[in-house]
Amino acid sequence: MTQDLVLDIPDIHCKRCANIIKQALDFTAGVEAIEINFEERNASVSIDPERITSKKIKTIIIALGFSAMII
């Protein structure tokens, strides 16, 4: 079972920012899929809630230097 999240990430300004976040989450256990739209400054993330929480996803993004809010 997967859980779909949408995160507002207002600090994304370019494709490089999006790639930094995508690469970090691609290597995170429990992340099933991720799509980042830097033009809309958000991310859609599918997770396995038995392996990772939405709060942990937000924490990872913040640790990379971006602000993030689950919407």
N, C-alpha and C. Protein backbone atom coordinates (compact mmCIF):
# COMPACT_ATOMS: atom_id res chain seq x y z
N MET A 1 0.85 -1.18 0.00
CA MET A 1 0.00 0.00 0.00
C MET A 1 0.89 1.25 0.00
N THR A 2 0.56 2.19 -0.84
CA THR A 2 1.34 3.42 -0.89
C THR A 2 0.49 4.60 -0.43
N GLN A 3 1.17 5.60 0.01
CA GLN A 3 0.54 6.86 0.41
C GLN A 3 1.12 7.95 -0.49
N ASP A 4 0.26 8.76 -1.06
CA ASP A 4 0.71 9.84 -1.93
C ASP A 4 0.73 11.15 -1.17
N LEU A 5 1.86 11.86 -1.28
CA LEU A 5 2.05 13.14 -0.62
C LEU A 5 2.29 14.22 -1.67
N VAL A 6 1.88 15.43 -1.36
CA VAL A 6 2.26 16.59 -2.16
C VAL A 6 2.89 17.58 -1.19
N LEU A 7 4.08 18.03 -1.55
CA LEU A 7 4.80 18.98 -0.70
C LEU A 7 5.04 20.27 -1.46
N ASP A 8 4.76 21.36 -0.80
CA ASP A 8 5.09 22.69 -1.33
C ASP A 8 6.53 22.96 -0.94
N ILE A 9 7.38 23.26 -1.94
CA ILE A 9 8.80 23.53 -1.69
C ILE A 9 9.14 24.85 -2.38
N PRO A 10 8.85 25.97 -1.73
CA PRO A 10 8.99 27.28 -2.38
C PRO A 10 10.42 27.68 -2.74
N ASP A 11 11.42 26.99 -2.17
CA ASP A 11 12.81 27.35 -2.43
C ASP A 11 13.37 26.73 -3.71
N ILE A 12 12.58 25.90 -4.40
CA ILE A 12 13.04 25.33 -5.67
C ILE A 12 13.01 26.44 -6.71
N HIS A 13 14.17 26.70 -7.32
CA HIS A 13 14.25 27.77 -8.32
C HIS A 13 14.69 27.28 -9.69
N CYS A 14 15.19 26.04 -9.76
CA CYS A 14 15.71 25.56 -11.04
C CYS A 14 15.71 24.02 -11.05
N LYS A 15 16.08 23.46 -12.19
CA LYS A 15 16.14 22.01 -12.32
C LYS A 15 17.21 21.40 -11.41
N ARG A 16 18.28 22.14 -11.17
CA ARG A 16 19.33 21.62 -10.29
C ARG A 16 18.79 21.42 -8.87
N CYS A 17 18.02 22.39 -8.39
CA CYS A 17 17.39 22.25 -7.06
C CYS A 17 16.51 21.00 -7.04
N ALA A 18 15.71 20.84 -8.08
CA ALA A 18 14.81 19.69 -8.16
C ALA A 18 15.61 18.38 -8.17
N ASN A 19 16.71 18.36 -8.91
CA ASN A 19 17.54 17.15 -8.98
C ASN A 19 18.18 16.81 -7.64
N ILE A 20 18.59 17.81 -6.88
CA ILE A 20 19.17 17.56 -5.56
C ILE A 20 18.16 16.84 -4.67
N ILE A 21 16.94 17.33 -4.66
CA ILE A 21 15.90 16.71 -3.84
C ILE A 21 15.56 15.32 -4.36
N LYS A 22 15.40 15.20 -5.67
CA LYS A 22 15.05 13.91 -6.27
C LYS A 22 16.11 12.86 -5.97
N GLN A 23 17.37 13.20 -6.12
CA GLN A 23 18.44 12.24 -5.86
C GLN A 23 18.44 11.79 -4.41
N ALA A 24 18.23 12.71 -3.49
CA ALA A 24 18.21 12.34 -2.07
C ALA A 24 17.05 11.39 -1.77
N LEU A 25 15.89 11.69 -2.32
CA LEU A 25 14.72 10.85 -2.03
C LEU A 25 14.74 9.53 -2.80
N ASP A 26 15.38 9.51 -3.97
CA ASP A 26 15.49 8.27 -4.74
C ASP A 26 16.24 7.20 -3.95
N PHE A 27 17.17 7.62 -3.09
CA PHE A 27 17.97 6.68 -2.31
C PHE A 27 17.43 6.48 -0.90
N THR A 28 16.20 6.91 -0.66
CA THR A 28 15.59 6.79 0.66
C THR A 28 14.66 5.58 0.69
N ALA A 29 14.92 4.68 1.63
CA ALA A 29 14.07 3.49 1.77
C ALA A 29 12.63 3.90 2.06
N GLY A 30 11.71 3.29 1.36
CA GLY A 30 10.30 3.58 1.56
C GLY A 30 9.72 4.55 0.56
N VAL A 31 10.57 5.22 -0.21
CA VAL A 31 10.08 6.12 -1.25
C VAL A 31 9.87 5.30 -2.51
N GLU A 32 8.63 5.25 -2.97
CA GLU A 32 8.28 4.44 -4.13
C GLU A 32 8.44 5.22 -5.44
N ALA A 33 8.08 6.50 -5.44
CA ALA A 33 8.17 7.33 -6.64
C ALA A 33 8.21 8.80 -6.23
N ILE A 34 8.85 9.59 -7.07
CA ILE A 34 8.90 11.03 -6.80
C ILE A 34 8.88 11.79 -8.12
N GLU A 35 8.10 12.84 -8.13
CA GLU A 35 8.06 13.74 -9.28
C GLU A 35 8.13 15.16 -8.74
N ILE A 36 9.08 15.92 -9.24
CA ILE A 36 9.25 17.30 -8.77
C ILE A 36 8.98 18.25 -9.91
N ASN A 37 8.16 19.25 -9.64
CA ASN A 37 7.84 20.28 -10.62
C ASN A 37 8.43 21.59 -10.11
N PHE A 38 9.59 21.97 -10.65
CA PHE A 38 10.25 23.18 -10.13
C PHE A 38 9.50 24.44 -10.54
N GLU A 39 8.75 24.39 -11.64
CA GLU A 39 7.98 25.57 -12.04
C GLU A 39 6.84 25.86 -11.06
N GLU A 40 6.21 24.80 -10.56
CA GLU A 40 5.13 24.97 -9.58
C GLU A 40 5.66 24.90 -8.15
N ARG A 41 6.94 24.57 -8.03
CA ARG A 41 7.62 24.49 -6.73
C ARG A 41 6.95 23.51 -5.78
N ASN A 42 6.72 22.29 -6.30
CA ASN A 42 6.16 21.26 -5.44
C ASN A 42 6.70 19.89 -5.83
N ALA A 43 6.44 18.93 -4.97
CA ALA A 43 6.86 17.56 -5.21
C ALA A 43 5.71 16.62 -4.89
N SER A 44 5.55 15.62 -5.73
CA SER A 44 4.61 14.54 -5.48
C SER A 44 5.44 13.31 -5.13
N VAL A 45 5.18 12.74 -3.98
CA VAL A 45 5.97 11.62 -3.50
C VAL A 45 5.04 10.49 -3.09
N SER A 46 5.32 9.29 -3.58
CA SER A 46 4.59 8.10 -3.15
C SER A 46 5.49 7.33 -2.21
N ILE A 47 4.97 7.03 -1.02
CA ILE A 47 5.77 6.35 -0.01
C ILE A 47 5.07 5.08 0.49
N ASP A 48 5.86 4.20 1.06
CA ASP A 48 5.34 3.05 1.78
C ASP A 48 5.28 3.49 3.24
N PRO A 49 4.08 3.78 3.76
CA PRO A 49 3.97 4.32 5.12
C PRO A 49 4.42 3.36 6.22
N GLU A 50 4.64 2.10 5.88
CA GLU A 50 5.16 1.16 6.87
C GLU A 50 6.68 1.27 6.98
N ARG A 51 7.31 1.94 6.00
CA ARG A 51 8.77 2.06 6.00
C ARG A 51 9.27 3.48 6.25
N ILE A 52 8.44 4.48 5.95
CA ILE A 52 8.85 5.88 6.13
C ILE A 52 7.61 6.74 6.36
N THR A 53 7.78 7.82 7.10
CA THR A 53 6.66 8.71 7.38
C THR A 53 6.75 9.98 6.52
N SER A 54 5.63 10.65 6.40
CA SER A 54 5.61 11.92 5.68
C SER A 54 6.49 12.95 6.39
N LYS A 55 6.53 12.88 7.70
CA LYS A 55 7.37 13.80 8.47
C LYS A 55 8.85 13.60 8.15
N LYS A 56 9.27 12.36 7.95
CA LYS A 56 10.66 12.06 7.60
C LYS A 56 11.00 12.62 6.22
N ILE A 57 10.07 12.52 5.27
CA ILE A 57 10.29 13.07 3.93
C ILE A 57 10.52 14.58 4.05
N LYS A 58 9.67 15.24 4.81
CA LYS A 58 9.81 16.68 5.02
C LYS A 58 11.15 17.01 5.68
N THR A 59 11.55 16.23 6.66
CA THR A 59 12.81 16.43 7.36
C THR A 59 14.01 16.29 6.41
N ILE A 60 13.96 15.33 5.51
CA ILE A 60 15.05 15.14 4.54
C ILE A 60 15.17 16.37 3.64
N ILE A 61 14.05 16.87 3.16
CA ILE A 61 14.07 18.03 2.27
C ILE A 61 14.61 19.27 3.01
N ILE A 62 14.18 19.45 4.24
CA ILE A 62 14.66 20.58 5.04
C ILE A 62 16.17 20.45 5.30
N ALA A 63 16.64 19.24 5.55
CA ALA A 63 18.07 19.01 5.78
C ALA A 63 18.91 19.36 4.55
N LEU A 64 18.30 19.32 3.38
CA LEU A 64 19.00 19.69 2.14
C LEU A 64 19.06 21.21 1.95
N GLY A 65 18.37 21.94 2.83
CA GLY A 65 18.42 23.41 2.75
C GLY A 65 17.20 24.04 2.12
N PHE A 66 16.14 23.28 1.94
CA PHE A 66 14.92 23.80 1.35
C PHE A 66 13.81 23.81 2.40
N SER A 67 12.91 24.75 2.30
CA SER A 67 11.73 24.71 3.16
C SER A 67 10.72 23.79 2.50
N ALA A 68 9.88 23.16 3.30
CA ALA A 68 8.90 22.21 2.76
C ALA A 68 7.68 22.18 3.65
N MET A 69 6.52 22.05 3.02
CA MET A 69 5.26 21.95 3.76
C MET A 69 4.39 20.93 3.05
N ILE A 70 3.87 19.97 3.80
CA ILE A 70 2.97 18.98 3.24
C ILE A 70 1.62 19.64 3.02
N ILE A 71 1.10 19.51 1.79
CA ILE A 71 -0.21 20.11 1.49
C ILE A 71 -1.21 19.05 1.11
